[in-house]
Amino acid sequence: MACIFARNRDPTGTGVRRRSVDPMQYPKYSIVIPAFNESSRILDTLESVVSCIRARDWSAEVVVVNDGSTDATGQIVRDFIRNAPEVRMLENSVNRGKGYSVRTGLLQAHGEVVMFTDADLSAPMEEAERLFAAIAEGADIAIGSRWLKSSRQTHRQPLYRQFFGRCFNSVVRGVMGLKFADTQCGFKAFTRDAAQTVFQLMTIERWGFDPEILFIALVRGYWIIEVPVSWAHDSRSRMSYVKDGIQMLAEIAIVRWNALRGRYGKQVEHIHRGPVVQ
């Protein structure tokens, strides 16, 4: 595994490390799934995730963030929840973007280790064990990577998507100093402390949030490990490499401007966990 060591004494900026409150009543893991108009695959996704949780006997919750879907996504999730106590749903009144939805889910998650995964499960849920293992070994953040060991890709992206992805990664490495092979993989896990700090400081609400959260994590002194994961490209991806790519480049400039203004050095709040609904 490739890793970056970056620690300081108090990355939260509060003066002390936050302590958990009554941790036994909360799950160990929280799995956040942002969903916008996912009626064609959200049921299969939830069945796979819950099946994985039960087969491995994880103490885990699943938090679906319905991002203002206009199709049947919300109703499908509500119906599924009736027989799956592991699952709960948060709802955005309108579409706010993947970054906003991930932030909402992670900041309201109950777990000691929190992660997000894309609704298409391009990385099988079983691969989360690799991220959890990295956290257990001391990392603050573990990020899935499609390119550390590309042989693990079972269905690769089309060449044009690989080309644009590599170009974007090169810009991120050069402009933001992020030396990771893959910043955009939608499969990342965090300790609760790291997630609470990083996502309170995050400002990018759509596709370009991944480089920002990694940049913030390094600024705050967190230790990030990049972990190779299995991956199968889903051709139904909605991302436009022209429109969204231009927007993401603009967002890189925003991140650098935020850093110059000291935006990422601010003190963050301690967010208390809500009650666990059985």
Protein backbone atom coordinates (compact mmCIF):
# COMPACT_ATOMS: atom_id res chain seq x y z
CA MET A 1 0.00 0.00 0.00
CA ALA A 2 1.20 3.53 -0.74
CA CYS A 3 0.82 5.91 2.15
CA ILE A 4 1.43 9.47 3.21
CA PHE A 5 2.36 10.18 6.82
CA ALA A 6 1.11 13.55 7.99
CA ARG A 7 0.21 14.14 11.62
CA ASN A 8 0.04 17.00 14.06
CA ARG A 9 -0.94 17.09 17.70
CA ASP A 10 -4.43 18.44 17.22
CA PRO A 11 -5.85 18.34 13.65
CA THR A 12 -9.35 19.21 14.95
CA GLY A 13 -8.18 22.64 16.15
CA THR A 14 -10.20 22.36 19.35
CA GLY A 15 -7.25 21.99 21.72
CA VAL A 16 -8.07 18.40 22.68
CA ARG A 17 -8.88 15.17 20.92
CA ARG A 18 -12.62 14.55 20.88
CA ARG A 19 -13.87 11.65 22.96
CA SER A 20 -16.75 9.40 22.02
CA VAL A 21 -19.89 9.43 24.13
CA ASP A 22 -21.26 6.04 25.13
CA PRO A 23 -19.71 4.31 22.09
CA MET A 24 -21.37 0.96 22.84
CA GLN A 25 -24.76 2.21 21.73
CA TYR A 26 -23.46 3.24 18.31
CA PRO A 27 -22.38 1.09 15.35
CA LYS A 28 -18.69 0.65 14.62
CA TYR A 29 -19.11 1.45 10.92
CA SER A 30 -21.27 3.87 8.98
CA ILE A 31 -21.64 3.42 5.21
CA VAL A 32 -22.96 6.50 3.42
CA ILE A 33 -24.47 6.19 -0.06
CA PRO A 34 -25.36 9.41 -1.93
CA ALA A 35 -28.21 8.80 -4.36
CA PHE A 36 -29.75 10.96 -7.08
CA ASN A 37 -32.33 9.35 -9.37
CA GLU A 38 -30.99 5.85 -8.68
CA SER A 39 -34.29 3.95 -8.93
CA SER A 40 -32.82 1.52 -11.47
CA ARG A 41 -30.08 0.24 -9.16
CA ILE A 42 -30.59 1.39 -5.55
CA LEU A 43 -32.48 -1.77 -4.57
CA ASP A 44 -29.70 -4.06 -5.83
CA THR A 45 -27.15 -1.82 -4.13
CA LEU A 46 -28.89 -1.95 -0.75
CA GLU A 47 -29.38 -5.70 -0.98
CA SER A 48 -25.66 -6.16 -1.68
CA VAL A 49 -24.55 -3.84 1.10
CA VAL A 50 -26.86 -5.27 3.75
CA SER A 51 -26.00 -8.82 2.70
CA CYS A 52 -22.30 -8.01 3.12
CA ILE A 53 -22.88 -6.46 6.55
CA ARG A 54 -24.84 -9.47 7.78
CA ALA A 55 -22.49 -12.07 6.30
CA ARG A 56 -19.51 -10.45 8.03
CA ASP A 57 -21.42 -9.64 11.20
CA TRP A 58 -20.34 -6.01 11.08
CA SER A 59 -21.76 -3.59 13.60
CA ALA A 60 -22.80 -1.15 10.91
CA GLU A 61 -25.41 1.26 9.69
CA VAL A 62 -26.19 2.33 6.12
CA VAL A 63 -27.10 5.96 5.53
CA VAL A 64 -28.67 6.72 2.15
CA VAL A 65 -28.72 10.42 1.30
CA ASN A 66 -31.47 11.00 -1.24
CA ASP A 67 -30.25 14.06 -3.14
CA GLY A 68 -33.56 15.52 -4.28
CA SER A 69 -34.38 12.59 -6.57
CA THR A 70 -37.34 13.08 -8.88
CA ASP A 71 -37.85 9.36 -9.54
CA ALA A 72 -38.82 6.53 -7.17
CA THR A 73 -35.47 6.37 -5.34
CA GLY A 74 -36.89 7.63 -2.05
CA GLN A 75 -39.86 5.27 -2.01
CA ILE A 76 -37.71 2.27 -2.90
CA VAL A 77 -35.40 3.04 0.03
CA ARG A 78 -38.32 3.58 2.42
CA ASP A 79 -39.81 0.24 1.43
CA PHE A 80 -36.46 -1.49 1.88
CA ILE A 81 -35.95 0.01 5.35
CA ARG A 82 -39.03 -1.81 6.65
CA ASN A 83 -37.09 -5.07 6.64
CA ALA A 84 -33.59 -3.69 7.09
CA PRO A 85 -33.02 -1.99 10.46
CA GLU A 86 -29.42 -1.30 9.41
CA VAL A 87 -30.61 1.31 6.89
CA ARG A 88 -31.86 4.85 7.37
CA MET A 89 -32.36 7.70 4.91
CA LEU A 90 -31.64 11.41 4.93
CA GLU A 91 -33.26 13.62 2.30
CA ASN A 92 -32.20 16.81 0.56
CA SER A 93 -35.25 18.84 -0.46
CA VAL A 94 -33.58 19.66 -3.80
CA ASN A 95 -30.57 18.32 -5.69
CA ARG A 96 -27.44 19.74 -4.05
CA GLY A 97 -24.67 17.57 -5.48
CA LYS A 98 -22.62 14.55 -4.52
CA GLY A 99 -20.21 16.46 -2.29
CA TYR A 100 -23.03 18.06 -0.32
CA SER A 101 -24.76 14.70 0.10
CA VAL A 102 -21.60 12.91 1.23
CA ARG A 103 -20.94 15.67 3.75
CA THR A 104 -24.50 15.51 5.06
CA GLY A 105 -24.31 11.75 5.49
CA LEU A 106 -20.88 11.62 7.11
CA LEU A 107 -21.57 14.46 9.54
CA GLN A 108 -24.78 12.75 10.68
CA ALA A 109 -23.34 9.24 10.76
CA HIS A 110 -23.15 7.37 14.08
CA GLY A 111 -20.14 5.11 13.46
CA GLU A 112 -16.61 5.27 14.83
CA VAL A 113 -15.39 4.63 11.27
CA VAL A 114 -17.38 6.28 8.51
CA MET A 115 -17.12 5.78 4.76
CA PHE A 116 -18.89 6.61 1.54
CA THR A 117 -19.40 4.55 -1.57
CA ASP A 118 -21.04 5.31 -4.90
CA ALA A 119 -24.55 3.98 -5.50
CA ASP A 120 -23.31 1.88 -8.43
CA LEU A 121 -20.99 -0.13 -6.13
CA SER A 122 -18.22 -0.02 -8.71
CA ALA A 123 -16.05 -1.15 -5.82
CA PRO A 124 -17.78 -4.19 -4.26
CA MET A 125 -18.84 -3.64 -0.66
CA GLU A 126 -16.55 -6.47 0.44
CA GLU A 127 -13.59 -4.26 -0.50
CA ALA A 128 -14.46 -2.02 2.46
CA GLU A 129 -12.60 -4.54 4.62
CA ARG A 130 -9.38 -3.28 3.03
CA LEU A 131 -10.19 0.30 4.05
CA PHE A 132 -11.26 -0.72 7.56
CA ALA A 133 -8.02 -2.67 7.98
CA ALA A 134 -5.98 0.42 7.07
CA ILE A 135 -7.89 2.46 9.65
CA ALA A 136 -7.38 -0.27 12.25
CA GLU A 137 -3.63 -0.13 11.55
CA GLY A 138 -3.57 3.55 12.50
CA ALA A 139 -4.54 5.56 9.41
CA ASP A 140 -6.94 8.46 9.85
CA ILE A 141 -8.22 8.16 6.29
CA ALA A 142 -8.11 5.25 3.81
CA ILE A 143 -8.90 5.95 0.15
CA GLY A 144 -9.66 3.34 -2.47
CA SER A 145 -7.51 3.45 -5.59
CA ARG A 146 -8.18 2.08 -9.04
CA TRP A 147 -4.64 2.76 -10.23
CA LEU A 148 -2.27 1.58 -7.51
CA LYS A 149 -2.85 -1.93 -8.83
CA SER A 150 -4.78 -1.61 -12.10
CA SER A 151 -4.90 -5.40 -12.47
CA ARG A 152 -7.68 -5.35 -9.86
CA GLN A 153 -9.98 -3.56 -12.34
CA THR A 154 -12.46 -6.14 -13.63
CA HIS A 155 -14.09 -3.77 -16.14
CA ARG A 156 -12.02 -0.76 -17.16
CA GLN A 157 -13.23 2.66 -18.16
CA PRO A 158 -13.25 3.55 -21.85
CA LEU A 159 -9.93 4.95 -23.02
CA TYR A 160 -11.23 8.52 -23.31
CA ARG A 161 -12.37 8.45 -19.67
CA GLN A 162 -9.01 7.06 -18.60
CA PHE A 163 -7.29 9.83 -20.55
CA PHE A 164 -9.33 12.65 -19.02
CA GLY A 165 -9.06 11.10 -15.57
CA ARG A 166 -5.27 10.90 -15.79
CA CYS A 167 -5.08 14.48 -17.07
CA PHE A 168 -7.17 15.72 -14.15
CA ASN A 169 -5.06 13.74 -11.70
CA SER A 170 -1.91 15.31 -13.14
CA VAL A 171 -3.38 18.79 -12.60
CA VAL A 172 -4.36 17.89 -9.05
CA ARG A 173 -0.86 16.58 -8.30
CA GLY A 174 0.79 19.67 -9.77
CA VAL A 175 -1.48 22.41 -8.45
CA MET A 176 -2.60 20.95 -5.12
CA GLY A 177 0.37 18.77 -4.24
CA LEU A 178 -1.75 15.64 -3.81
CA LYS A 179 0.59 12.77 -4.67
CA PHE A 180 -2.08 10.08 -4.84
CA ALA A 181 -2.55 7.79 -7.83
CA ASP A 182 -6.33 8.21 -7.65
CA THR A 183 -8.12 11.11 -5.93
CA GLN A 184 -11.52 10.53 -7.53
CA CYS A 185 -12.37 6.98 -6.48
CA GLY A 186 -15.74 7.12 -4.71
CA PHE A 187 -14.69 4.72 -1.96
CA LYS A 188 -13.15 6.42 1.08
CA ALA A 189 -13.17 5.75 4.83
CA PHE A 190 -12.38 8.01 7.79
CA THR A 191 -12.08 7.88 11.52
CA ARG A 192 -14.91 9.80 13.10
CA ASP A 193 -12.52 12.56 14.22
CA ALA A 194 -11.10 12.99 10.73
CA ALA A 195 -14.51 13.05 9.04
CA GLN A 196 -15.95 15.57 11.50
CA THR A 197 -13.04 17.93 10.93
CA VAL A 198 -12.56 17.56 7.19
CA PHE A 199 -16.20 17.72 6.16
CA GLN A 200 -17.02 20.73 8.32
CA LEU A 201 -14.31 22.62 6.44
CA MET A 202 -15.25 21.34 2.97
CA THR A 203 -16.73 23.95 0.60
CA ILE A 204 -17.07 22.15 -2.76
CA GLU A 205 -20.51 20.55 -3.07
CA ARG A 206 -20.42 18.76 -6.40
CA TRP A 207 -18.00 16.49 -8.29
CA GLY A 208 -14.81 18.30 -7.31
CA PHE A 209 -15.05 17.70 -3.57
CA ASP A 210 -12.64 14.73 -3.47
CA PRO A 211 -9.41 16.70 -4.02
CA GLU A 212 -10.58 19.30 -1.52
CA ILE A 213 -11.18 16.85 1.31
CA LEU A 214 -7.77 15.24 0.74
CA PHE A 215 -6.12 18.65 0.65
CA ILE A 216 -7.84 19.63 3.90
CA ALA A 217 -6.83 16.35 5.52
CA LEU A 218 -3.17 16.96 4.76
CA VAL A 219 -3.36 20.58 5.92
CA ARG A 220 -4.83 19.36 9.21
CA GLY A 221 -2.14 16.73 9.65
CA TYR A 222 -4.12 13.54 9.10
CA TRP A 223 -2.46 10.32 7.93
CA ILE A 224 -3.89 9.10 4.61
CA ILE A 225 -3.31 5.64 3.17
CA GLU A 226 -4.15 4.81 -0.45
CA VAL A 227 -5.44 1.25 -0.81
CA PRO A 228 -5.80 -0.70 -4.10
CA VAL A 229 -9.36 -1.98 -4.54
CA SER A 230 -11.23 -4.06 -7.08
CA TRP A 231 -13.25 -1.91 -9.47
CA ALA A 232 -15.70 -2.39 -12.32
CA HIS A 233 -16.64 0.64 -14.41
CA ASP A 234 -20.38 1.32 -14.70
CA SER A 235 -21.25 2.77 -18.11
CA ARG A 236 -24.28 4.55 -16.62
CA SER A 237 -22.08 7.17 -14.94
CA ARG A 238 -23.63 10.65 -15.30
CA MET A 239 -20.43 12.63 -15.12
CA SER A 240 -19.61 14.79 -18.16
CA TYR A 241 -15.87 15.02 -18.68
CA VAL A 242 -16.25 18.32 -20.56
CA LYS A 243 -18.82 20.26 -18.51
CA ASP A 244 -17.99 18.74 -15.12
CA GLY A 245 -14.27 18.65 -15.89
CA ILE A 246 -14.19 22.40 -16.51
CA GLN A 247 -16.12 22.96 -13.29
CA MET A 248 -13.71 20.76 -11.33
CA LEU A 249 -10.74 22.73 -12.65
CA ALA A 250 -12.40 25.93 -11.43
CA GLU A 251 -12.95 24.28 -8.07
CA ILE A 252 -9.24 23.50 -7.76
CA ALA A 253 -8.64 27.25 -7.97
CA ILE A 254 -11.24 27.78 -5.24
CA VAL A 255 -9.43 25.32 -2.98
CA ARG A 256 -6.12 27.11 -3.46
CA TRP A 257 -7.81 30.45 -2.74
CA ASN A 258 -9.42 29.03 0.39
CA ALA A 259 -6.02 27.83 1.56
CA LEU A 260 -4.44 31.26 1.01
CA ARG A 261 -7.21 32.84 3.09
CA GLY A 262 -6.69 30.34 5.93
CA ARG A 263 -10.12 28.80 5.45
CA TYR A 264 -8.91 25.30 6.31
CA GLY A 265 -7.19 26.30 9.55
CA LYS A 266 -10.39 27.27 11.33
CA GLN A 267 -11.56 25.60 14.51
CA VAL A 268 -14.38 23.11 14.05
CA GLU A 269 -17.30 22.20 16.28
CA HIS A 270 -17.96 18.94 18.06
CA ILE A 271 -21.10 17.45 16.49
CA HIS A 272 -23.00 15.28 18.95
CA ARG A 273 -24.45 12.06 17.63
CA GLY A 274 -28.21 11.73 17.65
CA PRO A 275 -30.05 8.78 19.21
CA VAL A 276 -29.89 5.40 17.53
CA VAL A 277 -33.35 4.42 16.30
CA GLN A 278 -33.94 0.70 16.65
